[in-house]
Amino acid sequence: MNALWKSSSLVLAALLGGCSFAPQAGQARLEALGGAPLVLAPEFRASAATQRDTEHSFWFSTVTLEQLAETGPNDTPPDAVFVHVQLVWLPKPGMTPLDATAVNAAVRVVVVSGGEIGIYAGGAFVRPEGLEEPDTDTWNLEIEGGTVSLVEKTPRFTDLLSPAEFRGSFSATRDAAATDAWRRAVSQLATNRFGRSMWVMAPDVREELLAAR
């Protein structure tokens, strides 16, 4: 086992063991579906969400936006997990069956370990709460049936998960400005580490997900 594998394993073990703070924004579970039984279970302390046209965009992070903002272009970023969820269509109670192929959201998971970055992408089924209630600014998500795989990585990032099952419970405050700030901050982090301009967000998958309904 080389040094990078040891480093990555320690990060995963720390996340598995839980964090010292309460999971204010939710918890996720990524379970490797390959030969090695491995689980990454981050607890999220920051979140933001907004609605654009008929879609909803959510960001979740194990570190605060202030911690991320303090990381300069040449600094080693903190170990972290970021999740972006693009909810494309809303399930209708009593009308939308859940099966193994049901997908209504695109998911991006960014894992930062020892200064290296891996970006995972896939789809999932999301059960939202509060999105259609005009008097609430807190939106809750239950995510299940998701699968993500590695799509981008820095040279020394070791992929211990791909492909992985993805599920979790999340809560986010409706805040368009904060949502944009998270998108810019995580994308800038990826740009700095990959050495090329990158936008860390779900691709335009609306037509594909709508066709799968």
C-alpha atoms as a PDB file:
ATOM      1  CA  MET A   1       0.000   0.000   0.000  1.00  0.00           C
ATOM      2  CA  ASN A   2       1.568   3.291  -1.057  1.00  0.00           C
ATOM      3  CA  ALA A   3       1.485   6.599   0.834  1.00  0.00           C
ATOM      4  CA  LEU A   4      -1.478   7.951  -1.115  1.00  0.00           C
ATOM      5  CA  TRP A   5      -3.590   4.878  -0.346  1.00  0.00           C
ATOM      6  CA  LYS A   6      -2.694   5.272   3.344  1.00  0.00           C
ATOM      7  CA  SER A   7      -3.612   8.966   3.264  1.00  0.00           C
ATOM      8  CA  SER A   8      -6.894   8.335   1.479  1.00  0.00           C
ATOM      9  CA  SER A   9      -7.790   5.535   3.869  1.00  0.00           C
ATOM     10  CA  LEU A  10      -7.195   7.787   6.873  1.00  0.00           C
ATOM     11  CA  VAL A  11      -9.463  10.467   5.438  1.00  0.00           C
ATOM     12  CA  LEU A  12     -12.203   7.930   4.772  1.00  0.00           C
ATOM     13  CA  ALA A  13     -11.831   6.474   8.245  1.00  0.00           C
ATOM     14  CA  ALA A  14     -12.130   9.934   9.810  1.00  0.00           C
ATOM     15  CA  LEU A  15     -15.300  10.665   7.874  1.00  0.00           C
ATOM     16  CA  LEU A  16     -16.706   7.256   8.739  1.00  0.00           C
ATOM     17  CA  GLY A  17     -16.081   7.885  12.404  1.00  0.00           C
ATOM     18  CA  GLY A  18     -18.138  11.068  12.328  1.00  0.00           C
ATOM     19  CA  CYS A  19     -17.176  14.680  12.928  1.00  0.00           C
ATOM     20  CA  SER A  20     -17.078  16.844  16.030  1.00  0.00           C
ATOM     21  CA  PHE A  21     -19.916  19.050  14.779  1.00  0.00           C
ATOM     22  CA  ALA A  22     -23.596  18.251  14.351  1.00  0.00           C
ATOM     23  CA  PRO A  23     -24.660  17.363  10.803  1.00  0.00           C
ATOM     24  CA  GLN A  24     -26.532  20.639  10.352  1.00  0.00           C
ATOM     25  CA  ALA A  25     -27.194  20.130   6.651  1.00  0.00           C
ATOM     26  CA  GLY A  26     -27.542  16.351   6.514  1.00  0.00           C
ATOM     27  CA  GLN A  27     -25.707  13.095   6.017  1.00  0.00           C
ATOM     28  CA  ALA A  28     -24.843  10.985   2.990  1.00  0.00           C
ATOM     29  CA  ARG A  29     -23.627   7.462   2.380  1.00  0.00           C
ATOM     30  CA  LEU A  30     -21.518   6.413  -0.579  1.00  0.00           C
ATOM     31  CA  GLU A  31     -20.943   2.661  -0.666  1.00  0.00           C
ATOM     32  CA  ALA A  32     -18.462   1.186  -3.128  1.00  0.00           C
ATOM     33  CA  LEU A  33     -20.051  -1.369  -5.447  1.00  0.00           C
ATOM     34  CA  GLY A  34     -16.754  -2.853  -6.601  1.00  0.00           C
ATOM     35  CA  GLY A  35     -14.587  -5.549  -5.061  1.00  0.00           C
ATOM     36  CA  ALA A  36     -13.561  -3.596  -1.948  1.00  0.00           C
ATOM     37  CA  PRO A  37     -16.356  -3.058   0.616  1.00  0.00           C
ATOM     38  CA  LEU A  38     -15.860   0.609   1.477  1.00  0.00           C
ATOM     39  CA  VAL A  39     -18.240   3.281   2.765  1.00  0.00           C
ATOM     40  CA  LEU A  40     -17.801   7.048   2.800  1.00  0.00           C
ATOM     41  CA  ALA A  41     -20.287   8.659   5.195  1.00  0.00           C
ATOM     42  CA  PRO A  42     -19.780  12.441   5.353  1.00  0.00           C
ATOM     43  CA  GLU A  43     -21.806  14.749   7.579  1.00  0.00           C
ATOM     44  CA  PHE A  44     -22.572  18.141   6.055  1.00  0.00           C
ATOM     45  CA  ARG A  45     -22.389  21.421   7.960  1.00  0.00           C
ATOM     46  CA  ALA A  46     -23.319  23.930   5.233  1.00  0.00           C
ATOM     47  CA  SER A  47     -25.925  24.103   2.487  1.00  0.00           C
ATOM     48  CA  ALA A  48     -27.798  26.396   0.123  1.00  0.00           C
ATOM     49  CA  ALA A  49     -30.502  25.996  -2.493  1.00  0.00           C
ATOM     50  CA  THR A  50     -32.387  27.939  -5.119  1.00  0.00           C
ATOM     51  CA  GLN A  51     -34.933  27.512  -7.896  1.00  0.00           C
ATOM     52  CA  ARG A  52     -34.155  28.431 -11.485  1.00  0.00           C
ATOM     53  CA  ASP A  53     -36.979  28.136 -14.012  1.00  0.00           C
ATOM     54  CA  THR A  54     -38.463  24.692 -13.267  1.00  0.00           C
ATOM     55  CA  GLU A  55     -35.282  23.219 -11.752  1.00  0.00           C
ATOM     56  CA  HIS A  56     -33.895  23.297  -8.215  1.00  0.00           C
ATOM     57  CA  SER A  57     -30.192  23.485  -7.394  1.00  0.00           C
ATOM     58  CA  PHE A  58     -28.712  22.352  -4.054  1.00  0.00           C
ATOM     59  CA  TRP A  59     -25.199  22.565  -2.587  1.00  0.00           C
ATOM     60  CA  PHE A  60     -23.973  20.698   0.508  1.00  0.00           C
ATOM     61  CA  SER A  61     -20.524  20.846   2.114  1.00  0.00           C
ATOM     62  CA  THR A  62     -18.601  19.350   5.031  1.00  0.00           C
ATOM     63  CA  VAL A  63     -16.692  22.646   5.416  1.00  0.00           C
ATOM     64  CA  THR A  64     -17.955  26.218   5.615  1.00  0.00           C
ATOM     65  CA  LEU A  65     -17.864  28.719   2.774  1.00  0.00           C
ATOM     66  CA  GLU A  66     -15.506  30.839   4.898  1.00  0.00           C
ATOM     67  CA  GLN A  67     -13.024  27.948   5.152  1.00  0.00           C
ATOM     68  CA  LEU A  68     -13.134  27.495   1.406  1.00  0.00           C
ATOM     69  CA  ALA A  69     -12.749  31.226   0.752  1.00  0.00           C
ATOM     70  CA  GLU A  70      -9.586  31.284   2.886  1.00  0.00           C
ATOM     71  CA  THR A  71      -7.904  28.772   0.554  1.00  0.00           C
ATOM     72  CA  GLY A  72      -5.657  30.623  -1.900  1.00  0.00           C
ATOM     73  CA  PRO A  73      -4.791  29.396  -5.430  1.00  0.00           C
ATOM     74  CA  ASN A  74      -1.511  27.865  -4.192  1.00  0.00           C
ATOM     75  CA  ASP A  75      -2.790  26.602  -0.835  1.00  0.00           C
ATOM     76  CA  THR A  76      -3.662  23.004  -0.058  1.00  0.00           C
ATOM     77  CA  PRO A  77      -7.448  22.879   0.334  1.00  0.00           C
ATOM     78  CA  PRO A  78      -9.010  21.303   3.423  1.00  0.00           C
ATOM     79  CA  ASP A  79     -10.166  17.688   3.203  1.00  0.00           C
ATOM     80  CA  ALA A  80     -13.849  17.932   2.322  1.00  0.00           C
ATOM     81  CA  VAL A  81     -16.827  16.513   0.479  1.00  0.00           C
ATOM     82  CA  PHE A  82     -19.113  18.695  -1.645  1.00  0.00           C
ATOM     83  CA  VAL A  83     -22.410  17.587  -3.198  1.00  0.00           C
ATOM     84  CA  HIS A  84     -24.367  19.350  -5.929  1.00  0.00           C
ATOM     85  CA  VAL A  85     -27.895  18.129  -6.707  1.00  0.00           C
ATOM     86  CA  GLN A  86     -29.848  19.318  -9.729  1.00  0.00           C
ATOM     87  CA  LEU A  87     -33.498  18.342  -9.225  1.00  0.00           C
ATOM     88  CA  VAL A  88     -35.173  18.290 -12.638  1.00  0.00           C
ATOM     89  CA  TRP A  89     -38.726  17.090 -11.948  1.00  0.00           C
ATOM     90  CA  LEU A  90     -40.822  16.666  -8.819  1.00  0.00           C
ATOM     91  CA  PRO A  91     -42.418  13.327  -7.913  1.00  0.00           C
ATOM     92  CA  LYS A  92     -46.180  13.366  -7.437  1.00  0.00           C
ATOM     93  CA  PRO A  93     -47.532  11.535  -4.355  1.00  0.00           C
ATOM     94  CA  GLY A  94     -49.493   8.457  -5.360  1.00  0.00           C
ATOM     95  CA  MET A  95     -48.559   8.855  -9.019  1.00  0.00           C
ATOM     96  CA  THR A  96     -44.779   8.440  -9.192  1.00  0.00           C
ATOM     97  CA  PRO A  97     -43.592   4.871  -8.579  1.00  0.00           C
ATOM     98  CA  LEU A  98     -40.065   4.302  -7.286  1.00  0.00           C
ATOM     99  CA  ASP A  99     -38.121   1.534  -8.977  1.00  0.00           C
ATOM    100  CA  ALA A 100     -34.495   0.736  -9.711  1.00  0.00           C
ATOM    101  CA  THR A 101     -34.479   2.924 -12.829  1.00  0.00           C
ATOM    102  CA  ALA A 102     -36.290   5.972 -11.409  1.00  0.00           C
ATOM    103  CA  VAL A 103     -34.102   9.089 -11.704  1.00  0.00           C
ATOM    104  CA  ASN A 104     -35.182  12.690 -11.279  1.00  0.00           C
ATOM    105  CA  ALA A 105     -31.926  14.398 -10.275  1.00  0.00           C
ATOM    106  CA  ALA A 106     -28.353  14.709 -11.461  1.00  0.00           C
ATOM    107  CA  VAL A 107     -25.672  14.505  -8.765  1.00  0.00           C
ATOM    108  CA  ARG A 108     -22.059  15.672  -8.499  1.00  0.00           C
ATOM    109  CA  VAL A 109     -19.865  14.614  -5.563  1.00  0.00           C
ATOM    110  CA  VAL A 110     -16.477  16.280  -5.085  1.00  0.00           C
ATOM    111  CA  VAL A 111     -14.041  14.524  -2.719  1.00  0.00           C
ATOM    112  CA  VAL A 112     -10.956  16.448  -1.568  1.00  0.00           C
ATOM    113  CA  SER A 113      -8.274  14.327   0.107  1.00  0.00           C
ATOM    114  CA  GLY A 114      -4.715  15.449   0.827  1.00  0.00           C
ATOM    115  CA  GLY A 115      -4.986  18.272  -1.687  1.00  0.00           C
ATOM    116  CA  GLU A 116      -6.119  15.910  -4.466  1.00  0.00           C
ATOM    117  CA  ILE A 117      -9.616  15.999  -5.974  1.00  0.00           C
ATOM    118  CA  GLY A 118     -11.952  13.383  -7.434  1.00  0.00           C
ATOM    119  CA  ILE A 119     -15.264  14.340  -9.053  1.00  0.00           C
ATOM    120  CA  TYR A 120     -18.047  11.755  -9.202  1.00  0.00           C
ATOM    121  CA  ALA A 121     -21.222  12.067 -11.268  1.00  0.00           C
ATOM    122  CA  GLY A 122     -24.468  10.185 -11.666  1.00  0.00           C
ATOM    123  CA  GLY A 123     -28.200  10.223 -11.083  1.00  0.00           C
ATOM    124  CA  ALA A 124     -30.549   9.552  -8.177  1.00  0.00           C
ATOM    125  CA  PHE A 125     -34.165   9.612  -7.084  1.00  0.00           C
ATOM    126  CA  VAL A 126     -35.017  12.548  -4.815  1.00  0.00           C
ATOM    127  CA  ARG A 127     -38.035  12.953  -2.549  1.00  0.00           C
ATOM    128  CA  PRO A 128     -38.261  16.672  -1.688  1.00  0.00           C
ATOM    129  CA  GLU A 129     -40.219  18.454   1.024  1.00  0.00           C
ATOM    130  CA  GLY A 130     -41.130  22.127   1.177  1.00  0.00           C
ATOM    131  CA  LEU A 131     -40.369  23.046  -2.428  1.00  0.00           C
ATOM    132  CA  GLU A 132     -43.974  23.853  -3.234  1.00  0.00           C
ATOM    133  CA  GLU A 133     -44.749  25.632   0.040  1.00  0.00           C
ATOM    134  CA  PRO A 134     -44.433  29.419  -0.499  1.00  0.00           C
ATOM    135  CA  ASP A 135     -44.148  30.198   3.228  1.00  0.00           C
ATOM    136  CA  THR A 136     -41.081  28.048   3.925  1.00  0.00           C
ATOM    137  CA  ASP A 137     -37.440  28.690   3.123  1.00  0.00           C
ATOM    138  CA  THR A 138     -36.191  25.287   4.306  1.00  0.00           C
ATOM    139  CA  TRP A 139     -36.147  22.480   1.758  1.00  0.00           C
ATOM    140  CA  ASN A 140     -35.540  18.846   2.715  1.00  0.00           C
ATOM    141  CA  LEU A 141     -34.331  16.056   0.458  1.00  0.00           C
ATOM    142  CA  GLU A 142     -34.326  12.286   0.795  1.00  0.00           C
ATOM    143  CA  ILE A 143     -32.029  10.806  -1.850  1.00  0.00           C
ATOM    144  CA  GLU A 144     -32.002   7.119  -2.720  1.00  0.00           C
ATOM    145  CA  GLY A 145     -31.350   4.823  -5.636  1.00  0.00           C
ATOM    146  CA  GLY A 146     -28.360   6.869  -6.716  1.00  0.00           C
ATOM    147  CA  THR A 147     -25.208   5.680  -8.457  1.00  0.00           C
ATOM    148  CA  VAL A 148     -22.108   7.805  -9.055  1.00  0.00           C
ATOM    149  CA  SER A 149     -18.817   7.094 -10.826  1.00  0.00           C
ATOM    150  CA  LEU A 150     -15.524   8.962 -11.121  1.00  0.00           C
ATOM    151  CA  VAL A 151     -15.471  11.361 -14.084  1.00  0.00           C
ATOM    152  CA  GLU A 152     -12.498  13.637 -13.253  1.00  0.00           C
ATOM    153  CA  LYS A 153      -9.473  13.407 -10.971  1.00  0.00           C
ATOM    154  CA  THR A 154      -6.177  15.119 -10.267  1.00  0.00           C
ATOM    155  CA  PRO A 155      -3.102  12.959 -11.017  1.00  0.00           C
ATOM    156  CA  ARG A 156      -2.523  11.671  -7.468  1.00  0.00           C
ATOM    157  CA  PHE A 157      -6.137  11.119  -6.441  1.00  0.00           C
ATOM    158  CA  THR A 158      -6.869   7.467  -5.682  1.00  0.00           C
ATOM    159  CA  ASP A 159     -10.409   6.357  -6.486  1.00  0.00           C
ATOM    160  CA  LEU A 160     -11.581   4.033  -3.702  1.00  0.00           C
ATOM    161  CA  LEU A 161     -15.309   4.199  -4.442  1.00  0.00           C
ATOM    162  CA  SER A 162     -16.251   4.126  -8.124  1.00  0.00           C
ATOM    163  CA  PRO A 163     -18.897   3.006  -8.864  1.00  0.00           C
ATOM    164  CA  ALA A 164     -20.725   3.811  -5.653  1.00  0.00           C
ATOM    165  CA  GLU A 165     -24.285   3.769  -4.394  1.00  0.00           C
ATOM    166  CA  PHE A 166     -25.371   7.216  -3.186  1.00  0.00           C
ATOM    167  CA  ARG A 167     -28.111   8.068  -0.710  1.00  0.00           C
ATOM    168  CA  GLY A 168     -28.716  10.530   2.100  1.00  0.00           C
ATOM    169  CA  SER A 169     -30.917  12.972   3.964  1.00  0.00           C
ATOM    170  CA  PHE A 170     -30.361  16.705   3.531  1.00  0.00           C
ATOM    171  CA  SER A 171     -31.741  20.093   4.520  1.00  0.00           C
ATOM    172  CA  ALA A 172     -31.021  23.406   2.787  1.00  0.00           C
ATOM    173  CA  THR A 173     -32.033  27.028   3.190  1.00  0.00           C
ATOM    174  CA  ARG A 174     -33.378  28.805   0.128  1.00  0.00           C
ATOM    175  CA  ASP A 175     -30.729  31.396  -0.709  1.00  0.00           C
ATOM    176  CA  ALA A 176     -29.916  32.205  -4.340  1.00  0.00           C
ATOM    177  CA  ALA A 177     -26.856  34.322  -3.496  1.00  0.00           C
ATOM    178  CA  ALA A 178     -25.337  31.619  -1.278  1.00  0.00           C
ATOM    179  CA  THR A 179     -26.057  28.955  -3.905  1.00  0.00           C
ATOM    180  CA  ASP A 180     -24.178  30.981  -6.513  1.00  0.00           C
ATOM    181  CA  ALA A 181     -21.346  31.571  -4.042  1.00  0.00           C
ATOM    182  CA  TRP A 182     -20.961  27.820  -3.459  1.00  0.00           C
ATOM    183  CA  ARG A 183     -21.000  27.127  -7.199  1.00  0.00           C
ATOM    184  CA  ARG A 184     -18.263  29.694  -7.796  1.00  0.00           C
ATOM    185  CA  ALA A 185     -16.167  28.640  -4.791  1.00  0.00           C
ATOM    186  CA  VAL A 186     -16.158  24.893  -5.520  1.00  0.00           C
ATOM    187  CA  SER A 187     -15.607  25.516  -9.234  1.00  0.00           C
ATOM    188  CA  GLN A 188     -12.685  27.844  -8.432  1.00  0.00           C
ATOM    189  CA  LEU A 189     -11.207  25.202  -6.134  1.00  0.00           C
ATOM    190  CA  ALA A 190     -11.403  22.641  -8.947  1.00  0.00           C
ATOM    191  CA  THR A 191      -9.966  25.138 -11.437  1.00  0.00           C
ATOM    192  CA  ASN A 192      -7.005  25.802  -9.142  1.00  0.00           C
ATOM    193  CA  ARG A 193      -6.246  22.108  -8.591  1.00  0.00           C
ATOM    194  CA  PHE A 194      -6.857  20.893 -12.160  1.00  0.00           C
ATOM    195  CA  GLY A 195      -5.078  23.840 -13.777  1.00  0.00           C
ATOM    196  CA  ARG A 196      -7.909  24.521 -16.219  1.00  0.00           C
ATOM    197  CA  SER A 197     -11.248  26.276 -16.071  1.00  0.00           C
ATOM    198  CA  MET A 198     -13.930  23.999 -14.610  1.00  0.00           C
ATOM    199  CA  TRP A 199     -17.555  24.397 -13.550  1.00  0.00           C
ATOM    200  CA  VAL A 200     -18.497  21.831 -10.921  1.00  0.00           C
ATOM    201  CA  MET A 201     -22.198  21.393 -11.533  1.00  0.00           C
ATOM    202  CA  ALA A 202     -24.536  18.907 -13.100  1.00  0.00           C
ATOM    203  CA  PRO A 203     -24.641  18.895 -16.916  1.00  0.00           C
ATOM    204  CA  ASP A 204     -27.712  19.782 -18.929  1.00  0.00           C
ATOM    205  CA  VAL A 205     -29.556  16.506 -18.389  1.00  0.00           C
ATOM    206  CA  ARG A 206     -33.108  17.830 -18.315  1.00  0.00           C
ATOM    207  CA  GLU A 207     -34.242  16.147 -21.544  1.00  0.00           C
ATOM    208  CA  GLU A 208     -32.634  12.833 -20.573  1.00  0.00           C
ATOM    209  CA  LEU A 209     -34.266  12.737 -17.130  1.00  0.00           C
ATOM    210  CA  LEU A 210     -37.633  13.859 -18.418  1.00  0.00           C
ATOM    211  CA  ALA A 211     -37.499  11.083 -21.048  1.00  0.00           C
ATOM    212  CA  ALA A 212     -36.883   8.538 -18.278  1.00  0.00           C
ATOM    213  CA  ARG A 213     -40.095   9.414 -16.399  1.00  0.00           C
END
